[in-house]
Protein backbone atom coordinates (compact mmCIF):
# COMPACT_ATOMS: atom_id res chain seq x y z
CA UNK A 1 -3.00 -27.52 -5.80
CA UNK A 2 -3.08 -24.73 -3.04
CA UNK A 3 -5.51 -21.83 -2.99
CA UNK A 4 -4.55 -18.39 -3.81
CA UNK A 5 -4.38 -15.99 -1.04
CA UNK A 6 -6.66 -13.77 -1.25
CA UNK A 7 -6.82 -9.88 -0.58
CA UNK A 8 -8.45 -6.47 -1.68
CA UNK A 9 -7.11 -3.84 -2.61
CA UNK A 10 -7.34 -0.55 -0.44
CA UNK A 11 -8.16 1.48 -3.73
CA UNK A 12 -10.86 -0.19 -5.85
CA UNK A 13 -11.90 -2.55 -2.67
CA UNK A 14 -11.41 -5.48 -5.44
CA UNK A 15 -10.26 -8.87 -3.69
CA UNK A 16 -7.76 -10.37 -5.75
CA UNK A 17 -4.59 -12.75 -5.79
CA UNK A 18 -1.98 -11.02 -3.24
CA UNK A 19 0.69 -11.62 -6.06
CA UNK A 20 -1.27 -9.03 -8.09
CA UNK A 21 -1.31 -6.61 -4.93
CA UNK A 22 1.78 -4.36 -3.50
CA UNK A 23 1.87 -4.93 0.19
CA UNK A 24 2.53 -1.32 2.25
CA UNK A 25 3.10 -1.33 5.86
CA UNK A 26 3.30 1.83 8.11
CA UNK A 27 7.08 2.21 9.35
CA UNK A 28 7.21 4.05 13.36
CA UNK A 29 11.04 4.89 13.44
CA UNK A 30 10.19 6.86 9.96
CA UNK A 31 6.75 8.00 10.72
CA UNK A 32 5.65 6.73 7.09
CA UNK A 33 3.67 4.32 4.80
CA UNK A 34 6.30 2.20 3.02
CA UNK A 35 6.30 0.05 0.41
CA UNK A 36 6.76 -3.99 2.21
CA UNK A 37 8.80 -5.09 -1.06
CA UNK A 38 9.46 -8.48 1.13
CA UNK A 39 5.66 -8.66 2.07
CA UNK A 40 7.21 -10.33 4.97
CA UNK A 41 7.63 -7.10 7.56
CA UNK A 42 5.85 -7.11 10.39
CA UNK A 43 2.74 -5.22 11.52
CA UNK A 44 -0.73 -4.63 9.69
CA UNK A 45 -0.38 -4.31 5.74
CA UNK A 46 -2.45 -2.71 3.40
CA UNK A 47 -3.01 -4.17 -0.05
CA UNK A 48 -3.49 -2.08 -3.36
CA UNK A 49 -2.71 -2.41 -6.73
CA UNK A 50 0.18 -0.91 -8.57
CA UNK A 51 -2.29 1.41 -10.49
CA UNK A 52 -1.63 5.08 -9.93
CA UNK A 53 -5.48 5.58 -9.78
CA UNK A 54 -5.61 3.03 -7.00
CA UNK A 55 -3.18 4.43 -5.06
CA UNK A 56 -4.77 7.82 -5.11
CA UNK A 57 -8.28 6.60 -4.82
CA UNK A 58 -6.86 4.94 -1.61
CA UNK A 59 -5.34 8.15 -0.62
CA UNK A 60 -8.06 10.01 -0.72
CA UNK A 61 -10.01 7.81 1.02
CA UNK A 62 -8.55 7.31 3.87
CA UNK A 63 -7.83 3.27 2.84
CA UNK A 64 -4.34 3.02 4.33
CA UNK A 65 -5.05 5.70 7.30
CA UNK A 66 -7.96 2.99 8.05
CA UNK A 67 -6.18 -0.34 7.43
CA UNK A 68 -2.71 0.16 8.91
CA UNK A 69 -5.47 1.79 11.92
CA UNK A 70 -3.55 5.34 11.87
CA UNK A 71 -6.32 7.47 13.54
CA UNK A 72 -3.99 9.55 15.60
CA UNK A 73 -1.55 10.01 12.74
CA UNK A 74 -4.23 10.63 10.02
CA UNK A 75 -4.10 14.77 9.91
CA UNK A 76 -0.21 14.70 9.62
CA UNK A 77 -0.81 12.11 6.49
CA UNK A 78 -3.65 14.09 4.94
CA UNK A 79 -1.59 17.18 5.29
CA UNK A 80 1.59 15.79 4.01
CA UNK A 81 1.27 15.39 0.17
CA UNK A 82 4.80 15.42 -0.61
CA UNK A 83 4.43 11.57 1.83
CA UNK A 84 1.50 10.17 -0.10
CA UNK A 85 3.34 11.19 -3.49
CA UNK A 86 6.25 9.40 -2.50
CA UNK A 87 4.68 6.52 -1.89
CA UNK A 88 2.67 6.05 -5.16
CA UNK A 89 5.86 6.60 -7.07
CA UNK A 90 7.60 4.34 -4.49
CA UNK A 91 4.51 1.71 -5.83
CA UNK A 92 4.83 2.12 -9.12
CA UNK A 93 8.53 1.67 -8.89
CA UNK A 94 8.26 -1.59 -6.90
CA UNK A 95 5.75 -3.16 -9.20
CA UNK A 96 8.07 -2.07 -12.33
CA UNK A 97 11.05 -4.08 -10.51
CA UNK A 98 8.86 -7.25 -9.92
CA UNK A 99 8.14 -7.37 -13.41
CA UNK A 100 11.77 -6.94 -14.64
CA UNK A 101 13.07 -9.70 -12.36
CA UNK A 102 10.18 -12.40 -13.64
């Protein structure tokens, strides 16, 4: 049996199987961080537990900005609470959809 692919949550820093995490990517066209529900979008990915606490911690500690290497955009994202709140909502909804499909 193959070993599971492990990833680290950018919020709580726990290392776990990637099936337990949600992948987020930076989309240049919209200049936003979005959920990659297919987990195959090109570019860097930031993995986070689908828990409000982990996502909020990753935002507060700039885990998304650091992992996705958004240093030039960090100030824009830090000032855009609506964009971050949308990401929190999207991450939680993504998990609900995944659980319903299983």
